[in-house]
């Protein structure tokens, strides 16, 4: 269920704000979104997996908090991130 190094490196290089940026809100939201997609695909194959469903809800909550923070501090970055990731408000 963990995002592999190659995929995570691609996501970081795509969403980073400067050269050595790995911890900005945009990068963290993008990595969490990839993890949410992986967990969702797993749950489609194994719908009775309660532990994965519980961790999925935790990851969704973490991403929601990051997005709420970004919307409060930098609304234009929030809007561009949402459109780049294809998320709905």
PDB file of N, CA and C in Angstrom:
ATOM      1  N   UNK A   1       0.797  -1.203   0.000  1.00  0.00           N
ATOM      2  CA  UNK A   1       0.000   0.000   0.000  1.00  0.00           C
ATOM      3  C   UNK A   1       0.840   1.268   0.000  1.00  0.00           C
ATOM      4  N   UNK A   2       2.132   1.149   0.174  1.00  0.00           N
ATOM      5  CA  UNK A   2       3.000   2.317   0.248  1.00  0.00           C
ATOM      6  C   UNK A   2       3.415   2.722  -1.168  1.00  0.00           C
ATOM      7  N   UNK A   3       3.489   4.007  -1.393  1.00  0.00           N
ATOM      8  CA  UNK A   3       3.903   4.518  -2.691  1.00  0.00           C
ATOM      9  C   UNK A   3       5.379   4.174  -2.882  1.00  0.00           C
ATOM     10  N   UNK A   4       5.734   3.515  -4.012  1.00  0.00           N
ATOM     11  CA  UNK A   4       7.123   3.110  -4.211  1.00  0.00           C
ATOM     12  C   UNK A   4       8.006   4.317  -4.515  1.00  0.00           C
ATOM     13  N   UNK A   5       9.323   4.133  -4.393  1.00  0.00           N
ATOM     14  CA  UNK A   5      10.269   5.247  -4.475  1.00  0.00           C
ATOM     15  C   UNK A   5      10.234   5.945  -5.822  1.00  0.00           C
ATOM     16  N   UNK A   6      10.128   5.177  -6.905  1.00  0.00           N
ATOM     17  CA  UNK A   6      10.140   5.786  -8.231  1.00  0.00           C
ATOM     18  C   UNK A   6       8.907   6.675  -8.439  1.00  0.00           C
ATOM     19  N   UNK A   7       7.743   6.154  -8.073  1.00  0.00           N
ATOM     20  CA  UNK A   7       6.505   6.920  -8.230  1.00  0.00           C
ATOM     21  C   UNK A   7       6.514   8.157  -7.334  1.00  0.00           C
ATOM     22  N   UNK A   8       7.009   7.996  -6.114  1.00  0.00           N
ATOM     23  CA  UNK A   8       7.070   9.122  -5.186  1.00  0.00           C
ATOM     24  C   UNK A   8       8.033  10.188  -5.701  1.00  0.00           C
ATOM     25  N   UNK A   9       9.165   9.769  -6.281  1.00  0.00           N
ATOM     26  CA  UNK A   9      10.115  10.716  -6.857  1.00  0.00           C
ATOM     27  C   UNK A   9       9.513  11.493  -8.019  1.00  0.00           C
ATOM     28  N   UNK A  10       8.722  10.808  -8.836  1.00  0.00           N
ATOM     29  CA  UNK A  10       8.038  11.493  -9.942  1.00  0.00           C
ATOM     30  C   UNK A  10       7.052  12.531  -9.425  1.00  0.00           C
ATOM     31  N   UNK A  11       6.297  12.158  -8.406  1.00  0.00           N
ATOM     32  CA  UNK A  11       5.307  13.074  -7.832  1.00  0.00           C
ATOM     33  C   UNK A  11       6.003  14.285  -7.222  1.00  0.00           C
ATOM     34  N   UNK A  12       7.085  14.050  -6.501  1.00  0.00           N
ATOM     35  CA  UNK A  12       7.808  15.149  -5.861  1.00  0.00           C
ATOM     36  C   UNK A  12       8.370  16.101  -6.910  1.00  0.00           C
ATOM     37  N   UNK A  13       8.971  15.552  -7.966  1.00  0.00           N
ATOM     38  CA  UNK A  13       9.538  16.425  -9.002  1.00  0.00           C
ATOM     39  C   UNK A  13       8.457  17.191  -9.751  1.00  0.00           C
ATOM     40  N   UNK A  14       7.276  16.648  -9.821  1.00  0.00           N
ATOM     41  CA  UNK A  14       6.189  17.307 -10.533  1.00  0.00           C
ATOM     42  C   UNK A  14       5.544  18.433  -9.718  1.00  0.00           C
ATOM     43  N   UNK A  15       5.479  18.291  -8.392  1.00  0.00           N
ATOM     44  CA  UNK A  15       4.734  19.237  -7.561  1.00  0.00           C
ATOM     45  C   UNK A  15       5.601  20.114  -6.669  1.00  0.00           C
ATOM     46  N   UNK A  16       6.915  19.955  -6.701  1.00  0.00           N
ATOM     47  CA  UNK A  16       7.759  20.750  -5.813  1.00  0.00           C
ATOM     48  C   UNK A  16       7.800  22.215  -6.233  1.00  0.00           C
ATOM     49  N   UNK A  17       8.064  23.071  -5.256  1.00  0.00           N
ATOM     50  CA  UNK A  17       8.097  24.504  -5.506  1.00  0.00           C
ATOM     51  C   UNK A  17       9.495  24.992  -5.851  1.00  0.00           C
ATOM     52  N   UNK A  18      10.530  24.345  -5.296  1.00  0.00           N
ATOM     53  CA  UNK A  18      11.915  24.688  -5.608  1.00  0.00           C
ATOM     54  C   UNK A  18      12.722  23.401  -5.678  1.00  0.00           C
ATOM     55  N   UNK A  19      14.017  23.507  -5.845  1.00  0.00           N
ATOM     56  CA  UNK A  19      14.853  22.349  -6.174  1.00  0.00           C
ATOM     57  C   UNK A  19      14.808  21.213  -5.141  1.00  0.00           C
ATOM     58  N   UNK A  20      15.066  21.507  -3.893  1.00  0.00           N
ATOM     59  CA  UNK A  20      15.135  20.452  -2.873  1.00  0.00           C
ATOM     60  C   UNK A  20      13.864  20.354  -2.032  1.00  0.00           C
ATOM     61  N   UNK A  21      12.747  20.699  -2.602  1.00  0.00           N
ATOM     62  CA  UNK A  21      11.481  20.733  -1.881  1.00  0.00           C
ATOM     63  C   UNK A  21      10.854  19.338  -1.849  1.00  0.00           C
ATOM     64  N   UNK A  22      10.736  18.780  -0.653  1.00  0.00           N
ATOM     65  CA  UNK A  22      10.038  17.500  -0.507  1.00  0.00           C
ATOM     66  C   UNK A  22       8.925  17.570   0.527  1.00  0.00           C
ATOM     67  N   UNK A  23       8.785  18.694   1.216  1.00  0.00           N
ATOM     68  CA  UNK A  23       7.833  18.755   2.307  1.00  0.00           C
ATOM     69  C   UNK A  23       6.786  19.837   2.186  1.00  0.00           C
ATOM     70  N   UNK A  24       6.699  20.499   1.042  1.00  0.00           N
ATOM     71  CA  UNK A  24       5.683  21.543   0.915  1.00  0.00           C
ATOM     72  C   UNK A  24       4.301  20.906   0.913  1.00  0.00           C
ATOM     73  N   UNK A  25       3.313  21.701   1.153  1.00  0.00           N
ATOM     74  CA  UNK A  25       1.945  21.209   1.236  1.00  0.00           C
ATOM     75  C   UNK A  25       1.528  20.573  -0.087  1.00  0.00           C
ATOM     76  N   UNK A  26       1.934  21.169  -1.208  1.00  0.00           N
ATOM     77  CA  UNK A  26       1.560  20.627  -2.512  1.00  0.00           C
ATOM     78  C   UNK A  26       2.107  19.218  -2.702  1.00  0.00           C
ATOM     79  N   UNK A  27       3.363  19.016  -2.334  1.00  0.00           N
ATOM     80  CA  UNK A  27       3.985  17.695  -2.481  1.00  0.00           C
ATOM     81  C   UNK A  27       3.296  16.688  -1.569  1.00  0.00           C
ATOM     82  N   UNK A  28       3.028  17.082  -0.339  1.00  0.00           N
ATOM     83  CA  UNK A  28       2.403  16.159   0.603  1.00  0.00           C
ATOM     84  C   UNK A  28       0.998  15.776   0.159  1.00  0.00           C
ATOM     85  N   UNK A  29       0.236  16.742  -0.347  1.00  0.00           N
ATOM     86  CA  UNK A  29      -1.112  16.442  -0.821  1.00  0.00           C
ATOM     87  C   UNK A  29      -1.056  15.521  -2.035  1.00  0.00           C
ATOM     88  N   UNK A  30      -0.107  15.736  -2.929  1.00  0.00           N
ATOM     89  CA  UNK A  30       0.013  14.889  -4.114  1.00  0.00           C
ATOM     90  C   UNK A  30       0.386  13.456  -3.734  1.00  0.00           C
ATOM     91  N   UNK A  31       1.298  13.285  -2.786  1.00  0.00           N
ATOM     92  CA  UNK A  31       1.682  11.939  -2.347  1.00  0.00           C
ATOM     93  C   UNK A  31       0.513  11.259  -1.645  1.00  0.00           C
ATOM     94  N   UNK A  32      -0.204  11.998  -0.813  1.00  0.00           N
ATOM     95  CA  UNK A  32      -1.368  11.432  -0.142  1.00  0.00           C
ATOM     96  C   UNK A  32      -2.450  11.058  -1.146  1.00  0.00           C
ATOM     97  N   UNK A  33      -2.612  11.846  -2.194  1.00  0.00           N
ATOM     98  CA  UNK A  33      -3.607  11.524  -3.215  1.00  0.00           C
ATOM     99  C   UNK A  33      -3.257  10.234  -3.938  1.00  0.00           C
ATOM    100  N   UNK A  34      -1.988  10.023  -4.215  1.00  0.00           N
ATOM    101  CA  UNK A  34      -1.560   8.768  -4.837  1.00  0.00           C
ATOM    102  C   UNK A  34      -1.830   7.587  -3.913  1.00  0.00           C
ATOM    103  N   UNK A  35      -1.563   7.774  -2.636  1.00  0.00           N
ATOM    104  CA  UNK A  35      -1.825   6.703  -1.664  1.00  0.00           C
ATOM    105  C   UNK A  35      -3.313   6.421  -1.553  1.00  0.00           C
ATOM    106  N   UNK A  36      -4.136   7.457  -1.598  1.00  0.00           N
ATOM    107  CA  UNK A  36      -5.588   7.272  -1.560  1.00  0.00           C
ATOM    108  C   UNK A  36      -6.044   6.477  -2.771  1.00  0.00           C
ATOM    109  N   UNK A  37      -5.492   6.784  -3.943  1.00  0.00           N
ATOM    110  CA  UNK A  37      -5.860   6.038  -5.146  1.00  0.00           C
ATOM    111  C   UNK A  37      -5.471   4.567  -5.028  1.00  0.00           C
ATOM    112  N   UNK A  38      -4.286   4.288  -4.469  1.00  0.00           N
ATOM    113  CA  UNK A  38      -3.860   2.902  -4.291  1.00  0.00           C
ATOM    114  C   UNK A  38      -4.754   2.156  -3.303  1.00  0.00           C
ATOM    115  N   UNK A  39      -5.096   2.805  -2.198  1.00  0.00           N
ATOM    116  CA  UNK A  39      -5.959   2.159  -1.212  1.00  0.00           C
ATOM    117  C   UNK A  39      -7.358   1.923  -1.767  1.00  0.00           C
ATOM    118  N   UNK A  40      -7.833   2.847  -2.584  1.00  0.00           N
ATOM    119  CA  UNK A  40      -9.153   2.685  -3.186  1.00  0.00           C
ATOM    120  C   UNK A  40      -9.171   1.503  -4.142  1.00  0.00           C
ATOM    121  N   UNK A  41      -8.122   1.354  -4.935  1.00  0.00           N
ATOM    122  CA  UNK A  41      -8.038   0.200  -5.835  1.00  0.00           C
ATOM    123  C   UNK A  41      -7.964  -1.105  -5.049  1.00  0.00           C
ATOM    124  N   UNK A  42      -7.242  -1.101  -3.940  1.00  0.00           N
ATOM    125  CA  UNK A  42      -7.168  -2.295  -3.101  1.00  0.00           C
ATOM    126  C   UNK A  42      -8.542  -2.652  -2.544  1.00  0.00           C
ATOM    127  N   UNK A  43      -9.283  -1.637  -2.120  1.00  0.00           N
ATOM    128  CA  UNK A  43     -10.608  -1.898  -1.547  1.00  0.00           C
ATOM    129  C   UNK A  43     -11.613  -2.356  -2.596  1.00  0.00           C
ATOM    130  N   UNK A  44     -11.393  -2.011  -3.856  1.00  0.00           N
ATOM    131  CA  UNK A  44     -12.267  -2.534  -4.906  1.00  0.00           C
ATOM    132  C   UNK A  44     -12.071  -4.043  -5.054  1.00  0.00           C
ATOM    133  N   UNK A  45     -10.836  -4.505  -4.872  1.00  0.00           N
ATOM    134  CA  UNK A  45     -10.557  -5.936  -4.974  1.00  0.00           C
ATOM    135  C   UNK A  45     -10.924  -6.673  -3.688  1.00  0.00           C
ATOM    136  N   UNK A  46     -10.752  -6.016  -2.550  1.00  0.00           N
ATOM    137  CA  UNK A  46     -11.015  -6.638  -1.250  1.00  0.00           C
ATOM    138  C   UNK A  46     -11.943  -5.754  -0.429  1.00  0.00           C
ATOM    139  N   UNK A  47     -13.232  -5.780  -0.715  1.00  0.00           N
ATOM    140  CA  UNK A  47     -14.152  -4.847  -0.052  1.00  0.00           C
ATOM    141  C   UNK A  47     -14.347  -5.109   1.448  1.00  0.00           C
ATOM    142  N   UNK A  48     -14.002  -6.277   1.940  1.00  0.00           N
ATOM    143  CA  UNK A  48     -14.196  -6.573   3.354  1.00  0.00           C
ATOM    144  C   UNK A  48     -12.993  -6.220   4.227  1.00  0.00           C
ATOM    145  N   UNK A  49     -11.966  -5.620   3.665  1.00  0.00           N
ATOM    146  CA  UNK A  49     -10.742  -5.297   4.389  1.00  0.00           C
ATOM    147  C   UNK A  49     -10.967  -4.049   5.244  1.00  0.00           C
ATOM    148  N   UNK A  50     -11.330  -4.264   6.489  1.00  0.00           N
ATOM    149  CA  UNK A  50     -11.678  -3.158   7.384  1.00  0.00           C
ATOM    150  C   UNK A  50     -10.455  -2.339   7.796  1.00  0.00           C
ATOM    151  N   UNK A  51      -9.307  -2.977   7.944  1.00  0.00           N
ATOM    152  CA  UNK A  51      -8.112  -2.252   8.361  1.00  0.00           C
ATOM    153  C   UNK A  51      -7.682  -1.255   7.286  1.00  0.00           C
ATOM    154  N   UNK A  52      -7.760  -1.675   6.040  1.00  0.00           N
ATOM    155  CA  UNK A  52      -7.411  -0.768   4.948  1.00  0.00           C
ATOM    156  C   UNK A  52      -8.415   0.369   4.855  1.00  0.00           C
ATOM    157  N   UNK A  53      -9.675   0.065   5.070  1.00  0.00           N
ATOM    158  CA  UNK A  53     -10.695   1.119   5.038  1.00  0.00           C
ATOM    159  C   UNK A  53     -10.439   2.139   6.140  1.00  0.00           C
ATOM    160  N   UNK A  54     -10.049   1.673   7.303  1.00  0.00           N
ATOM    161  CA  UNK A  54      -9.751   2.580   8.416  1.00  0.00           C
ATOM    162  C   UNK A  54      -8.553   3.470   8.086  1.00  0.00           C
ATOM    163  N   UNK A  55      -7.503   2.885   7.514  1.00  0.00           N
ATOM    164  CA  UNK A  55      -6.336   3.699   7.153  1.00  0.00           C
ATOM    165  C   UNK A  55      -6.665   4.656   6.021  1.00  0.00           C
ATOM    166  N   UNK A  56      -7.541   4.253   5.108  1.00  0.00           N
ATOM    167  CA  UNK A  56      -7.975   5.149   4.035  1.00  0.00           C
ATOM    168  C   UNK A  56      -8.664   6.382   4.599  1.00  0.00           C
ATOM    169  N   UNK A  57      -9.516   6.185   5.579  1.00  0.00           N
ATOM    170  CA  UNK A  57     -10.195   7.331   6.188  1.00  0.00           C
ATOM    171  C   UNK A  57      -9.201   8.261   6.883  1.00  0.00           C
ATOM    172  N   UNK A  58      -8.180   7.702   7.504  1.00  0.00           N
ATOM    173  CA  UNK A  58      -7.155   8.530   8.132  1.00  0.00           C
ATOM    174  C   UNK A  58      -6.375   9.351   7.126  1.00  0.00           C
ATOM    175  N   UNK A  59      -6.017   8.744   6.000  1.00  0.00           N
ATOM    176  CA  UNK A  59      -5.264   9.451   4.965  1.00  0.00           C
ATOM    177  C   UNK A  59      -6.124  10.534   4.327  1.00  0.00           C
ATOM    178  N   UNK A  60      -7.395  10.249   4.117  1.00  0.00           N
ATOM    179  CA  UNK A  60      -8.305  11.254   3.556  1.00  0.00           C
ATOM    180  C   UNK A  60      -8.419  12.445   4.504  1.00  0.00           C
ATOM    181  N   UNK A  61      -8.515  12.185   5.799  1.00  0.00           N
ATOM    182  CA  UNK A  61      -8.591  13.263   6.779  1.00  0.00           C
ATOM    183  C   UNK A  61      -7.330  14.108   6.801  1.00  0.00           C
ATOM    184  N   UNK A  62      -6.176  13.460   6.680  1.00  0.00           N
ATOM    185  CA  UNK A  62      -4.915  14.193   6.660  1.00  0.00           C
ATOM    186  C   UNK A  62      -4.837  15.087   5.431  1.00  0.00           C
ATOM    187  N   UNK A  63      -5.242  14.561   4.259  1.00  0.00           N
ATOM    188  CA  UNK A  63      -5.225  15.368   3.045  1.00  0.00           C
ATOM    189  C   UNK A  63      -6.206  16.537   3.154  1.00  0.00           C
ATOM    190  N   UNK A  64      -7.356  16.292   3.764  1.00  0.00           N
ATOM    191  CA  UNK A  64      -8.349  17.350   3.937  1.00  0.00           C
ATOM    192  C   UNK A  64      -7.801  18.475   4.812  1.00  0.00           C
ATOM    193  N   UNK A  65      -7.067  18.121   5.877  1.00  0.00           N
ATOM    194  CA  UNK A  65      -6.483  19.140   6.750  1.00  0.00           C
ATOM    195  C   UNK A  65      -5.418  19.951   6.016  1.00  0.00           C
ATOM    196  N   UNK A  66      -4.583  19.285   5.218  1.00  0.00           N
ATOM    197  CA  UNK A  66      -3.584  19.999   4.424  1.00  0.00           C
ATOM    198  C   UNK A  66      -4.252  20.968   3.456  1.00  0.00           C
ATOM    199  N   UNK A  67      -5.312  20.513   2.794  1.00  0.00           N
ATOM    200  CA  UNK A  67      -5.998  21.381   1.831  1.00  0.00           C
ATOM    201  C   UNK A  67      -6.685  22.552   2.528  1.00  0.00           C
ATOM    202  N   UNK A  68      -7.230  22.326   3.703  1.00  0.00           N
ATOM    203  CA  UNK A  68      -7.864  23.415   4.449  1.00  0.00           C
ATOM    204  C   UNK A  68      -6.822  24.464   4.845  1.00  0.00           C
ATOM    205  N   UNK A  69      -5.639  24.006   5.276  1.00  0.00           N
ATOM    206  CA  UNK A  69      -4.554  24.923   5.619  1.00  0.00           C
ATOM    207  C   UNK A  69      -4.109  25.721   4.399  1.00  0.00           C
ATOM    208  N   UNK A  70      -3.944  25.046   3.273  1.00  0.00           N
ATOM    209  CA  UNK A  70      -3.491  25.723   2.069  1.00  0.00           C
ATOM    210  C   UNK A  70      -4.522  26.738   1.583  1.00  0.00           C
ATOM    211  N   UNK A  71      -5.799  26.410   1.715  1.00  0.00           N
ATOM    212  CA  UNK A  71      -6.851  27.335   1.297  1.00  0.00           C
ATOM    213  C   UNK A  71      -6.853  28.579   2.176  1.00  0.00           C
ATOM    214  N   UNK A  72      -6.557  28.422   3.459  1.00  0.00           N
ATOM    215  CA  UNK A  72      -6.550  29.561   4.370  1.00  0.00           C
ATOM    216  C   UNK A  72      -5.328  30.442   4.166  1.00  0.00           C
ATOM    217  N   UNK A  73      -4.182  29.849   3.811  1.00  0.00           N
ATOM    218  CA  UNK A  73      -2.959  30.629   3.708  1.00  0.00           C
ATOM    219  C   UNK A  73      -2.669  31.118   2.302  1.00  0.00           C
ATOM    220  N   UNK A  74      -2.959  30.306   1.288  1.00  0.00           N
ATOM    221  CA  UNK A  74      -2.649  30.679  -0.103  1.00  0.00           C
ATOM    222  C   UNK A  74      -3.740  30.139  -1.024  1.00  0.00           C
ATOM    223  N   UNK A  75      -4.840  30.862  -1.164  1.00  0.00           N
ATOM    224  CA  UNK A  75      -5.969  30.356  -1.953  1.00  0.00           C
ATOM    225  C   UNK A  75      -5.638  30.095  -3.423  1.00  0.00           C
ATOM    226  N   UNK A  76      -4.747  30.899  -4.010  1.00  0.00           N
ATOM    227  CA  UNK A  76      -4.432  30.681  -5.425  1.00  0.00           C
ATOM    228  C   UNK A  76      -3.642  29.382  -5.622  1.00  0.00           C
ATOM    229  N   UNK A  77      -2.740  29.068  -4.702  1.00  0.00           N
ATOM    230  CA  UNK A  77      -2.023  27.789  -4.762  1.00  0.00           C
ATOM    231  C   UNK A  77      -2.976  26.627  -4.534  1.00  0.00           C
ATOM    232  N   UNK A  78      -3.948  26.820  -3.647  1.00  0.00           N
ATOM    233  CA  UNK A  78      -4.952  25.793  -3.374  1.00  0.00           C
ATOM    234  C   UNK A  78      -5.755  25.481  -4.634  1.00  0.00           C
ATOM    235  N   UNK A  79      -6.214  26.528  -5.307  1.00  0.00           N
ATOM    236  CA  UNK A  79      -7.017  26.314  -6.506  1.00  0.00           C
ATOM    237  C   UNK A  79      -6.222  25.644  -7.623  1.00  0.00           C
ATOM    238  N   UNK A  80      -4.970  26.048  -7.809  1.00  0.00           N
ATOM    239  CA  UNK A  80      -4.169  25.432  -8.858  1.00  0.00           C
ATOM    240  C   UNK A  80      -3.856  23.971  -8.529  1.00  0.00           C
ATOM    241  N   UNK A  81      -3.633  23.664  -7.252  1.00  0.00           N
ATOM    242  CA  UNK A  81      -3.355  22.282  -6.863  1.00  0.00           C
ATOM    243  C   UNK A  81      -4.572  21.395  -7.090  1.00  0.00           C
ATOM    244  N   UNK A  82      -5.728  21.888  -6.737  1.00  0.00           N
ATOM    245  CA  UNK A  82      -6.946  21.106  -6.917  1.00  0.00           C
ATOM    246  C   UNK A  82      -7.184  20.805  -8.399  1.00  0.00           C
ATOM    247  N   UNK A  83      -6.952  21.789  -9.257  1.00  0.00           N
ATOM    248  CA  UNK A  83      -7.162  21.546 -10.686  1.00  0.00           C
ATOM    249  C   UNK A  83      -6.092  20.591 -11.228  1.00  0.00           C
ATOM    250  N   UNK A  84      -4.845  20.697 -10.765  1.00  0.00           N
ATOM    251  CA  UNK A  84      -3.797  19.787 -11.235  1.00  0.00           C
ATOM    252  C   UNK A  84      -4.034  18.351 -10.815  1.00  0.00           C
ATOM    253  N   UNK A  85      -4.586  18.156  -9.619  1.00  0.00           N
ATOM    254  CA  UNK A  85      -4.840  16.800  -9.130  1.00  0.00           C
ATOM    255  C   UNK A  85      -6.203  16.270  -9.559  1.00  0.00           C
ATOM    256  N   UNK A  86      -7.058  17.143 -10.048  1.00  0.00           N
ATOM    257  CA  UNK A  86      -8.383  16.709 -10.471  1.00  0.00           C
ATOM    258  C   UNK A  86      -9.304  16.411  -9.307  1.00  0.00           C
ATOM    259  N   UNK A  87      -9.118  17.134  -8.209  1.00  0.00           N
ATOM    260  CA  UNK A  87      -9.965  16.953  -7.039  1.00  0.00           C
ATOM    261  C   UNK A  87     -11.154  17.887  -7.120  1.00  0.00           C
ATOM    262  N   UNK A  88     -12.202  17.530  -6.398  1.00  0.00           N
ATOM    263  CA  UNK A  88     -13.338  18.430  -6.331  1.00  0.00           C
ATOM    264  C   UNK A  88     -13.314  19.133  -4.990  1.00  0.00           C
ATOM    265  N   UNK A  89     -13.922  20.277  -4.934  1.00  0.00           N
ATOM    266  CA  UNK A  89     -13.895  21.113  -3.734  1.00  0.00           C
ATOM    267  C   UNK A  89     -14.662  20.488  -2.605  1.00  0.00           C
TER     268      UNK A  89
END
